[in-house]
Amino acid sequence: EFEIPFVLGMSSGSILSTAGVKVEGEGLVDKGLTDIGSGAMY
């Protein structure tokens, strides 16, 4: 568990994690697995 402080506001963003690692947090929407071009799924 960790906390990311935002000194300035942010309109939107994405978090990528290794397939199998679940990220939970308020306001996060799971968009599924994606191959970002390296052959590994995130």
ModelCIF file with pLDDT and N, C-alpha, C, O atoms, coordinates in Angstrom:
data_MODEL
#
_entry.id   MODEL 
#
_entity.id                         1 
_entity.type                       polymer 
_entity.pdbx_number_of_molecules   1 
#
_entity_poly.entity_id                      1 
_entity_poly.type                           'polypeptide(L)' 
_entity_poly.nstd_linkage                   no 
_entity_poly.nstd_monomer                   no 
_entity_poly.pdbx_seq_one_letter_code       EFEIPFVLGMSSGSILSTAGVKVEGEGLVDKGLTDIGSGAMY 
_entity_poly.pdbx_seq_one_letter_code_can   EFEIPFVLGMSSGSILSTAGVKVEGEGLVDKGLTDIGSGAMY 
_entity_poly.pdbx_strand_id                 A 
#
loop_
_entity_poly_seq.entity_id 
_entity_poly_seq.num 
_entity_poly_seq.mon_id 
_entity_poly_seq.hetero 
1 1  GLU n 
1 2  PHE n 
1 3  GLU n 
1 4  ILE n 
1 5  PRO n 
1 6  PHE n 
1 7  VAL n 
1 8  LEU n 
1 9  GLY n 
1 10 MET n 
1 11 SER n 
1 12 SER n 
1 13 GLY n 
1 14 SER n 
1 15 ILE n 
1 16 LEU n 
1 17 SER n 
1 18 THR n 
1 19 ALA n 
1 20 GLY n 
1 21 VAL n 
1 22 LYS n 
1 23 VAL n 
1 24 GLU n 
1 25 GLY n 
1 26 GLU n 
1 27 GLY n 
1 28 LEU n 
1 29 VAL n 
1 30 ASP n 
1 31 LYS n 
1 32 GLY n 
1 33 LEU n 
1 34 THR n 
1 35 ASP n 
1 36 ILE n 
1 37 GLY n 
1 38 SER n 
1 39 GLY n 
1 40 ALA n 
1 41 MET n 
1 42 TYR n 
#
_struct_asym.id          A 
_struct_asym.entity_id   1 
#
loop_
_ma_qa_metric.id 
_ma_qa_metric.mode 
_ma_qa_metric.name 
_ma_qa_metric.software_group_id 
_ma_qa_metric.type 
1 global pLDDT . pLDDT 
2 local  pLDDT . pLDDT 
#
_ma_qa_metric_global.metric_id      1 
_ma_qa_metric_global.metric_value   82.31 
_ma_qa_metric_global.model_id       1 
_ma_qa_metric_global.ordinal_id     1 
#
loop_
_ma_qa_metric_local.label_asym_id 
_ma_qa_metric_local.label_comp_id 
_ma_qa_metric_local.label_seq_id 
_ma_qa_metric_local.metric_id 
_ma_qa_metric_local.metric_value 
_ma_qa_metric_local.model_id 
_ma_qa_metric_local.ordinal_id 
A GLU 1  2 84.00 1 1  
A PHE 2  2 80.00 1 2  
A GLU 3  2 86.00 1 3  
A ILE 4  2 83.00 1 4  
A PRO 5  2 84.00 1 5  
A PHE 6  2 77.00 1 6  
A VAL 7  2 77.00 1 7  
A LEU 8  2 72.00 1 8  
A GLY 9  2 73.00 1 9  
A MET 10 2 75.00 1 10 
A SER 11 2 79.00 1 11 
A SER 12 2 82.00 1 12 
A GLY 13 2 83.00 1 13 
A SER 14 2 84.00 1 14 
A ILE 15 2 83.00 1 15 
A LEU 16 2 84.00 1 16 
A SER 17 2 82.00 1 17 
A THR 18 2 80.00 1 18 
A ALA 19 2 82.00 1 19 
A GLY 20 2 83.00 1 20 
A VAL 21 2 83.00 1 21 
A LYS 22 2 88.00 1 22 
A VAL 23 2 87.00 1 23 
A GLU 24 2 91.00 1 24 
A GLY 25 2 89.00 1 25 
A GLU 26 2 88.00 1 26 
A GLY 27 2 87.00 1 27 
A LEU 28 2 88.00 1 28 
A VAL 29 2 90.00 1 29 
A ASP 30 2 91.00 1 30 
A LYS 31 2 89.00 1 31 
A GLY 32 2 88.00 1 32 
A LEU 33 2 87.00 1 33 
A THR 34 2 84.00 1 34 
A ASP 35 2 82.00 1 35 
A ILE 36 2 73.00 1 36 
A GLY 37 2 73.00 1 37 
A SER 38 2 70.00 1 38 
A GLY 39 2 75.00 1 39 
A ALA 40 2 76.00 1 40 
A MET 41 2 81.00 1 41 
A TYR 42 2 84.00 1 42 
#
loop_
_atom_site.group_PDB 
_atom_site.id 
_atom_site.type_symbol 
_atom_site.label_atom_id 
_atom_site.label_alt_id 
_atom_site.label_comp_id 
_atom_site.label_asym_id 
_atom_site.label_entity_id 
_atom_site.label_seq_id 
_atom_site.pdbx_PDB_ins_code 
_atom_site.Cartn_x 
_atom_site.Cartn_y 
_atom_site.Cartn_z 
_atom_site.occupancy 
_atom_site.B_iso_or_equiv 
_atom_site.pdbx_formal_charge 
_atom_site.auth_seq_id 
_atom_site.auth_comp_id 
_atom_site.auth_asym_id 
_atom_site.auth_atom_id 
_atom_site.pdbx_PDB_model_num 
ATOM 1   N N  . GLU A 1 1  ? 0.847   -1.190  0.000   1.00 84.00 ? 1  GLU A N  1 
ATOM 2   C CA . GLU A 1 1  ? 0.000   0.000   0.000   1.00 84.00 ? 1  GLU A CA 1 
ATOM 3   C C  . GLU A 1 1  ? 0.881   1.237   0.000   1.00 84.00 ? 1  GLU A C  1 
ATOM 4   O O  . GLU A 1 1  ? 1.911   1.281   0.673   1.00 84.00 ? 1  GLU A O  1 
ATOM 5   N N  . PHE A 1 2  ? 0.468   2.236   -0.758  1.00 80.00 ? 2  PHE A N  1 
ATOM 6   C CA . PHE A 1 2  ? 1.175   3.506   -0.734  1.00 80.00 ? 2  PHE A CA 1 
ATOM 7   C C  . PHE A 1 2  ? 0.229   4.615   -1.156  1.00 80.00 ? 2  PHE A C  1 
ATOM 8   O O  . PHE A 1 2  ? -0.868  4.360   -1.652  1.00 80.00 ? 2  PHE A O  1 
ATOM 9   N N  . GLU A 1 3  ? 0.669   5.850   -0.953  1.00 86.00 ? 3  GLU A N  1 
ATOM 10  C CA . GLU A 1 3  ? -0.157  7.027   -1.211  1.00 86.00 ? 3  GLU A CA 1 
ATOM 11  C C  . GLU A 1 3  ? 0.636   7.992   -2.089  1.00 86.00 ? 3  GLU A C  1 
ATOM 12  O O  . GLU A 1 3  ? 1.808   8.267   -1.834  1.00 86.00 ? 3  GLU A O  1 
ATOM 13  N N  . ILE A 1 4  ? -0.029  8.502   -3.132  1.00 83.00 ? 4  ILE A N  1 
ATOM 14  C CA . ILE A 1 4  ? 0.612   9.455   -4.041  1.00 83.00 ? 4  ILE A CA 1 
ATOM 15  C C  . ILE A 1 4  ? -0.021  10.824  -3.808  1.00 83.00 ? 4  ILE A C  1 
ATOM 16  O O  . ILE A 1 4  ? -1.208  11.002  -4.081  1.00 83.00 ? 4  ILE A O  1 
ATOM 17  N N  . PRO A 1 5  ? 0.751   11.802  -3.305  1.00 84.00 ? 5  PRO A N  1 
ATOM 18  C CA . PRO A 1 5  ? 0.191   13.149  -3.106  1.00 84.00 ? 5  PRO A CA 1 
ATOM 19  C C  . PRO A 1 5  ? 0.178   13.919  -4.437  1.00 84.00 ? 5  PRO A C  1 
ATOM 20  O O  . PRO A 1 5  ? 1.089   13.778  -5.253  1.00 84.00 ? 5  PRO A O  1 
ATOM 21  N N  . PHE A 1 6  ? -0.857  14.727  -4.641  1.00 77.00 ? 6  PHE A N  1 
ATOM 22  C CA . PHE A 1 6  ? -0.974  15.560  -5.833  1.00 77.00 ? 6  PHE A CA 1 
ATOM 23  C C  . PHE A 1 6  ? -0.986  17.020  -5.390  1.00 77.00 ? 6  PHE A C  1 
ATOM 24  O O  . PHE A 1 6  ? -1.993  17.515  -4.884  1.00 77.00 ? 6  PHE A O  1 
ATOM 25  N N  . VAL A 1 7  ? 0.128   17.697  -5.582  1.00 77.00 ? 7  VAL A N  1 
ATOM 26  C CA . VAL A 1 7  ? 0.218   19.111  -5.234  1.00 77.00 ? 7  VAL A CA 1 
ATOM 27  C C  . VAL A 1 7  ? -0.652  19.915  -6.195  1.00 77.00 ? 7  VAL A C  1 
ATOM 28  O O  . VAL A 1 7  ? -1.317  20.871  -5.797  1.00 77.00 ? 7  VAL A O  1 
ATOM 29  N N  . LEU A 1 8  ? -0.637  19.515  -7.461  1.00 72.00 ? 8  LEU A N  1 
ATOM 30  C CA . LEU A 1 8  ? -1.458  20.161  -8.482  1.00 72.00 ? 8  LEU A CA 1 
ATOM 31  C C  . LEU A 1 8  ? -2.540  19.195  -8.938  1.00 72.00 ? 8  LEU A C  1 
ATOM 32  O O  . LEU A 1 8  ? -2.378  17.982  -8.812  1.00 72.00 ? 8  LEU A O  1 
ATOM 33  N N  . GLY A 1 9  ? -3.622  19.710  -9.459  1.00 73.00 ? 9  GLY A N  1 
ATOM 34  C CA . GLY A 1 9  ? -4.697  18.862  -9.945  1.00 73.00 ? 9  GLY A CA 1 
ATOM 35  C C  . GLY A 1 9  ? -4.312  18.144  -11.225 1.00 73.00 ? 9  GLY A C  1 
ATOM 36  O O  . GLY A 1 9  ? -3.334  18.503  -11.881 1.00 73.00 ? 9  GLY A O  1 
ATOM 37  N N  . MET A 1 10 ? -5.087  17.126  -11.575 1.00 75.00 ? 10 MET A N  1 
ATOM 38  C CA . MET A 1 10 ? -4.808  16.326  -12.765 1.00 75.00 ? 10 MET A CA 1 
ATOM 39  C C  . MET A 1 10 ? -6.137  15.948  -13.388 1.00 75.00 ? 10 MET A C  1 
ATOM 40  O O  . MET A 1 10 ? -7.044  15.493  -12.691 1.00 75.00 ? 10 MET A O  1 
ATOM 41  N N  . SER A 1 11 ? -6.263  16.132  -14.706 1.00 79.00 ? 11 SER A N  1 
ATOM 42  C CA . SER A 1 11 ? -7.539  15.865  -15.350 1.00 79.00 ? 11 SER A CA 1 
ATOM 43  C C  . SER A 1 11 ? -7.792  14.375  -15.567 1.00 79.00 ? 11 SER A C  1 
ATOM 44  O O  . SER A 1 11 ? -8.940  13.943  -15.469 1.00 79.00 ? 11 SER A O  1 
ATOM 45  N N  . SER A 1 12 ? -6.774  13.581  -15.855 1.00 82.00 ? 12 SER A N  1 
ATOM 46  C CA . SER A 1 12 ? -6.937  12.141  -16.023 1.00 82.00 ? 12 SER A CA 1 
ATOM 47  C C  . SER A 1 12 ? -5.575  11.472  -16.033 1.00 82.00 ? 12 SER A C  1 
ATOM 48  O O  . SER A 1 12 ? -4.544  12.135  -16.152 1.00 82.00 ? 12 SER A O  1 
ATOM 49  N N  . GLY A 1 13 ? -5.579  10.144  -15.905 1.00 83.00 ? 13 GLY A N  1 
ATOM 50  C CA . GLY A 1 13 ? -4.321  9.412   -15.929 1.00 83.00 ? 13 GLY A CA 1 
ATOM 51  C C  . GLY A 1 13 ? -4.552  7.924   -16.012 1.00 83.00 ? 13 GLY A C  1 
ATOM 52  O O  . GLY A 1 13 ? -5.684  7.448   -15.927 1.00 83.00 ? 13 GLY A O  1 
ATOM 53  N N  . SER A 1 14 ? -3.457  7.189   -16.180 1.00 84.00 ? 14 SER A N  1 
ATOM 54  C CA . SER A 1 14 ? -3.499  5.730   -16.265 1.00 84.00 ? 14 SER A CA 1 
ATOM 55  C C  . SER A 1 14 ? -2.413  5.146   -15.378 1.00 84.00 ? 14 SER A C  1 
ATOM 56  O O  . SER A 1 14 ? -1.353  5.742   -15.188 1.00 84.00 ? 14 SER A O  1 
ATOM 57  N N  . ILE A 1 15 ? -2.697  3.980   -14.843 1.00 83.00 ? 15 ILE A N  1 
ATOM 58  C CA . ILE A 1 15 ? -1.713  3.219   -14.079 1.00 83.00 ? 15 ILE A CA 1 
ATOM 59  C C  . ILE A 1 15 ? -1.593  1.870   -14.758 1.00 83.00 ? 15 ILE A C  1 
ATOM 60  O O  . ILE A 1 15 ? -2.605  1.236   -15.058 1.00 83.00 ? 15 ILE A O  1 
ATOM 61  N N  . LEU A 1 16 ? -0.368  1.422   -15.006 1.00 84.00 ? 16 LEU A N  1 
ATOM 62  C CA . LEU A 1 16 ? -0.121  0.128   -15.627 1.00 84.00 ? 16 LEU A CA 1 
ATOM 63  C C  . LEU A 1 16 ? 0.531   -0.783  -14.602 1.00 84.00 ? 16 LEU A C  1 
ATOM 64  O O  . LEU A 1 16 ? 1.438   -0.370  -13.880 1.00 84.00 ? 16 LEU A O  1 
ATOM 65  N N  . SER A 1 17 ? 0.066   -2.022  -14.541 1.00 82.00 ? 17 SER A N  1 
ATOM 66  C CA . SER A 1 17 ? 0.692   -2.994  -13.653 1.00 82.00 ? 17 SER A CA 1 
ATOM 67  C C  . SER A 1 17 ? 0.892   -4.291  -14.426 1.00 82.00 ? 17 SER A C  1 
ATOM 68  O O  . SER A 1 17 ? 0.222   -4.540  -15.428 1.00 82.00 ? 17 SER A O  1 
ATOM 69  N N  . THR A 1 18 ? 1.813   -5.106  -13.955 1.00 80.00 ? 18 THR A N  1 
ATOM 70  C CA . THR A 1 18 ? 2.052   -6.393  -14.562 1.00 80.00 ? 18 THR A CA 1 
ATOM 71  C C  . THR A 1 18 ? 0.773   -7.217  -14.492 1.00 80.00 ? 18 THR A C  1 
ATOM 72  O O  . THR A 1 18 ? 0.049   -7.156  -13.499 1.00 80.00 ? 18 THR A O  1 
ATOM 73  N N  . ALA A 1 19 ? 0.488   -7.997  -15.553 1.00 82.00 ? 19 ALA A N  1 
ATOM 74  C CA . ALA A 1 19 ? -0.697  -8.855  -15.561 1.00 82.00 ? 19 ALA A CA 1 
ATOM 75  C C  . ALA A 1 19 ? -0.671  -9.738  -14.328 1.00 82.00 ? 19 ALA A C  1 
ATOM 76  O O  . ALA A 1 19 ? 0.353   -10.345 -14.016 1.00 82.00 ? 19 ALA A O  1 
ATOM 77  N N  . GLY A 1 20 ? -1.788  -9.813  -13.629 1.00 83.00 ? 20 GLY A N  1 
ATOM 78  C CA . GLY A 1 20 ? -1.890  -10.616 -12.425 1.00 83.00 ? 20 GLY A CA 1 
ATOM 79  C C  . GLY A 1 20 ? -1.798  -9.789  -11.152 1.00 83.00 ? 20 GLY A C  1 
ATOM 80  O O  . GLY A 1 20 ? -2.239  -10.233 -10.092 1.00 83.00 ? 20 GLY A O  1 
ATOM 81  N N  . VAL A 1 21 ? -1.234  -8.597  -11.244 1.00 83.00 ? 21 VAL A N  1 
ATOM 82  C CA . VAL A 1 21 ? -1.130  -7.716  -10.086 1.00 83.00 ? 21 VAL A CA 1 
ATOM 83  C C  . VAL A 1 21 ? -2.315  -6.750  -10.150 1.00 83.00 ? 21 VAL A C  1 
ATOM 84  O O  . VAL A 1 21 ? -2.460  -5.989  -11.107 1.00 83.00 ? 21 VAL A O  1 
ATOM 85  N N  . LYS A 1 22 ? -3.144  -6.793  -9.136  1.00 88.00 ? 22 LYS A N  1 
ATOM 86  C CA . LYS A 1 22 ? -4.343  -5.950  -9.096  1.00 88.00 ? 22 LYS A CA 1 
ATOM 87  C C  . LYS A 1 22 ? -4.038  -4.663  -8.336  1.00 88.00 ? 22 LYS A C  1 
ATOM 88  O O  . LYS A 1 22 ? -3.418  -4.694  -7.273  1.00 88.00 ? 22 LYS A O  1 
ATOM 89  N N  . VAL A 1 23 ? -4.479  -3.529  -8.890  1.00 87.00 ? 23 VAL A N  1 
ATOM 90  C CA . VAL A 1 23 ? -4.310  -2.230  -8.238  1.00 87.00 ? 23 VAL A CA 1 
ATOM 91  C C  . VAL A 1 23 ? -5.699  -1.752  -7.827  1.00 87.00 ? 23 VAL A C  1 
ATOM 92  O O  . VAL A 1 23 ? -6.614  -1.697  -8.649  1.00 87.00 ? 23 VAL A O  1 
ATOM 93  N N  . GLU A 1 24 ? -5.847  -1.413  -6.569  1.00 91.00 ? 24 GLU A N  1 
ATOM 94  C CA . GLU A 1 24 ? -7.123  -0.925  -6.054  1.00 91.00 ? 24 GLU A CA 1 
ATOM 95  C C  . GLU A 1 24 ? -6.941  0.486   -5.521  1.00 91.00 ? 24 GLU A C  1 
ATOM 96  O O  . GLU A 1 24 ? -5.929  0.806   -4.897  1.00 91.00 ? 24 GLU A O  1 
ATOM 97  N N  . GLY A 1 25 ? -7.936  1.321   -5.777  1.00 89.00 ? 25 GLY A N  1 
ATOM 98  C CA . GLY A 1 25 ? -7.906  2.690   -5.290  1.00 89.00 ? 25 GLY A CA 1 
ATOM 99  C C  . GLY A 1 25 ? -9.185  3.393   -5.689  1.00 89.00 ? 25 GLY A C  1 
ATOM 100 O O  . GLY A 1 25 ? -9.849  2.997   -6.647  1.00 89.00 ? 25 GLY A O  1 
ATOM 101 N N  . GLU A 1 26 ? -9.527  4.427   -4.962  1.00 88.00 ? 26 GLU A N  1 
ATOM 102 C CA . GLU A 1 26 ? -10.755 5.162   -5.235  1.00 88.00 ? 26 GLU A CA 1 
ATOM 103 C C  . GLU A 1 26 ? -10.694 5.811   -6.611  1.00 88.00 ? 26 GLU A C  1 
ATOM 104 O O  . GLU A 1 26 ? -9.727  6.499   -6.937  1.00 88.00 ? 26 GLU A O  1 
ATOM 105 N N  . GLY A 1 27 ? -11.726 5.590   -7.413  1.00 87.00 ? 27 GLY A N  1 
ATOM 106 C CA . GLY A 1 27 ? -11.814 6.206   -8.729  1.00 87.00 ? 27 GLY A CA 1 
ATOM 107 C C  . GLY A 1 27 ? -11.094 5.453   -9.838  1.00 87.00 ? 27 GLY A C  1 
ATOM 108 O O  . GLY A 1 27 ? -11.132 5.895   -10.986 1.00 87.00 ? 27 GLY A O  1 
ATOM 109 N N  . LEU A 1 28 ? -10.445 4.340   -9.543  1.00 88.00 ? 28 LEU A N  1 
ATOM 110 C CA . LEU A 1 28 ? -9.750  3.567   -10.579 1.00 88.00 ? 28 LEU A CA 1 
ATOM 111 C C  . LEU A 1 28 ? -10.753 2.720   -11.350 1.00 88.00 ? 28 LEU A C  1 
ATOM 112 O O  . LEU A 1 28 ? -11.634 2.096   -10.758 1.00 88.00 ? 28 LEU A O  1 
ATOM 113 N N  . VAL A 1 29 ? -10.614 2.700   -12.683 1.00 90.00 ? 29 VAL A N  1 
ATOM 114 C CA . VAL A 1 29 ? -11.470 1.881   -13.538 1.00 90.00 ? 29 VAL A CA 1 
ATOM 115 C C  . VAL A 1 29 ? -10.573 0.901   -14.276 1.00 90.00 ? 29 VAL A C  1 
ATOM 116 O O  . VAL A 1 29 ? -9.644  1.312   -14.971 1.00 90.00 ? 29 VAL A O  1 
ATOM 117 N N  . ASP A 1 30 ? -10.845 -0.395  -14.131 1.00 91.00 ? 30 ASP A N  1 
ATOM 118 C CA . ASP A 1 30 ? -10.064 -1.449  -14.772 1.00 91.00 ? 30 ASP A CA 1 
ATOM 119 C C  . ASP A 1 30 ? -10.403 -1.476  -16.257 1.00 91.00 ? 30 ASP A C  1 
ATOM 120 O O  . ASP A 1 30 ? -11.551 -1.723  -16.626 1.00 91.00 ? 30 ASP A O  1 
ATOM 121 N N  . LYS A 1 31 ? -9.413  -1.224  -17.110 1.00 89.00 ? 31 LYS A N  1 
ATOM 122 C CA . LYS A 1 31 ? -9.612  -1.208  -18.556 1.00 89.00 ? 31 LYS A CA 1 
ATOM 123 C C  . LYS A 1 31 ? -9.110  -2.486  -19.228 1.00 89.00 ? 31 LYS A C  1 
ATOM 124 O O  . LYS A 1 31 ? -9.090  -2.572  -20.455 1.00 89.00 ? 31 LYS A O  1 
ATOM 125 N N  . GLY A 1 32 ? -8.702  -3.483  -18.428 1.00 88.00 ? 32 GLY A N  1 
ATOM 126 C CA . GLY A 1 32 ? -8.313  -4.770  -18.982 1.00 88.00 ? 32 GLY A CA 1 
ATOM 127 C C  . GLY A 1 32 ? -6.838  -4.846  -19.344 1.00 88.00 ? 32 GLY A C  1 
ATOM 128 O O  . GLY A 1 32 ? -6.067  -3.908  -19.143 1.00 88.00 ? 32 GLY A O  1 
ATOM 129 N N  . LEU A 1 33 ? -6.476  -6.014  -19.890 1.00 87.00 ? 33 LEU A N  1 
ATOM 130 C CA . LEU A 1 33 ? -5.090  -6.259  -20.292 1.00 87.00 ? 33 LEU A CA 1 
ATOM 131 C C  . LEU A 1 33 ? -4.789  -5.594  -21.627 1.00 87.00 ? 33 LEU A C  1 
ATOM 132 O O  . LEU A 1 33 ? -5.637  -5.556  -22.519 1.00 87.00 ? 33 LEU A O  1 
ATOM 133 N N  . THR A 1 34 ? -3.576  -5.073  -21.755 1.00 84.00 ? 34 THR A N  1 
ATOM 134 C CA . THR A 1 34 ? -3.151  -4.420  -22.986 1.00 84.00 ? 34 THR A CA 1 
ATOM 135 C C  . THR A 1 34 ? -1.703  -4.773  -23.269 1.00 84.00 ? 34 THR A C  1 
ATOM 136 O O  . THR A 1 34 ? -0.870  -4.800  -22.363 1.00 84.00 ? 34 THR A O  1 
ATOM 137 N N  . ASP A 1 35 ? -1.412  -5.044  -24.531 1.00 82.00 ? 35 ASP A N  1 
ATOM 138 C CA . ASP A 1 35 ? -0.028  -5.243  -24.972 1.00 82.00 ? 35 ASP A CA 1 
ATOM 139 C C  . ASP A 1 35 ? 0.467   -3.871  -25.414 1.00 82.00 ? 35 ASP A C  1 
ATOM 140 O O  . ASP A 1 35 ? -0.048  -3.310  -26.381 1.00 82.00 ? 35 ASP A O  1 
ATOM 141 N N  . ILE A 1 36 ? 1.452   -3.328  -24.722 1.00 73.00 ? 36 ILE A N  1 
ATOM 142 C CA . ILE A 1 36 ? 1.923   -1.981  -25.053 1.00 73.00 ? 36 ILE A CA 1 
ATOM 143 C C  . ILE A 1 36 ? 3.056   -2.002  -26.078 1.00 73.00 ? 36 ILE A C  1 
ATOM 144 O O  . ILE A 1 36 ? 3.793   -1.026  -26.220 1.00 73.00 ? 36 ILE A O  1 
ATOM 145 N N  . GLY A 1 37 ? 3.186   -3.111  -26.781 1.00 73.00 ? 37 GLY A N  1 
ATOM 146 C CA . GLY A 1 37 ? 4.152   -3.162  -27.873 1.00 73.00 ? 37 GLY A CA 1 
ATOM 147 C C  . GLY A 1 37 ? 5.425   -3.916  -27.551 1.00 73.00 ? 37 GLY A C  1 
ATOM 148 O O  . GLY A 1 37 ? 6.214   -4.181  -28.458 1.00 73.00 ? 37 GLY A O  1 
ATOM 149 N N  . SER A 1 38 ? 5.658   -4.270  -26.310 1.00 70.00 ? 38 SER A N  1 
ATOM 150 C CA . SER A 1 38 ? 6.880   -4.976  -25.950 1.00 70.00 ? 38 SER A CA 1 
ATOM 151 C C  . SER A 1 38 ? 6.673   -6.480  -25.934 1.00 70.00 ? 38 SER A C  1 
ATOM 152 O O  . SER A 1 38 ? 7.628   -7.228  -25.727 1.00 70.00 ? 38 SER A O  1 
ATOM 153 N N  . GLY A 1 39 ? 5.461   -6.931  -26.144 1.00 75.00 ? 39 GLY A N  1 
ATOM 154 C CA . GLY A 1 39 ? 5.158   -8.349  -26.092 1.00 75.00 ? 39 GLY A CA 1 
ATOM 155 C C  . GLY A 1 39 ? 4.641   -8.786  -24.743 1.00 75.00 ? 39 GLY A C  1 
ATOM 156 O O  . GLY A 1 39 ? 4.072   -9.873  -24.636 1.00 75.00 ? 39 GLY A O  1 
ATOM 157 N N  . ALA A 1 40 ? 4.813   -7.997  -23.722 1.00 76.00 ? 40 ALA A N  1 
ATOM 158 C CA . ALA A 1 40 ? 4.314   -8.319  -22.382 1.00 76.00 ? 40 ALA A CA 1 
ATOM 159 C C  . ALA A 1 40 ? 2.959   -7.644  -22.178 1.00 76.00 ? 40 ALA A C  1 
ATOM 160 O O  . ALA A 1 40 ? 2.696   -6.563  -22.705 1.00 76.00 ? 40 ALA A O  1 
ATOM 161 N N  . MET A 1 41 ? 2.120   -8.302  -21.411 1.00 81.00 ? 41 MET A N  1 
ATOM 162 C CA . MET A 1 41 ? 0.782   -7.778  -21.163 1.00 81.00 ? 41 MET A CA 1 
ATOM 163 C C  . MET A 1 41 ? 0.769   -7.001  -19.849 1.00 81.00 ? 41 MET A C  1 
ATOM 164 O O  . MET A 1 41 ? 1.396   -7.401  -18.868 1.00 81.00 ? 41 MET A O  1 
ATOM 165 N N  . TYR A 1 42 ? 0.043   -5.880  -19.849 1.00 84.00 ? 42 TYR A N  1 
ATOM 166 C CA . TYR A 1 42 ? -0.081  -5.037  -18.671 1.00 84.00 ? 42 TYR A CA 1 
ATOM 167 C C  . TYR A 1 42 ? -1.543  -4.771  -18.392 1.00 84.00 ? 42 TYR A C  1 
ATOM 168 O O  . TYR A 1 42 ? -1.871  -4.074  -17.433 1.00 84.00 ? 42 TYR A O  1 
#
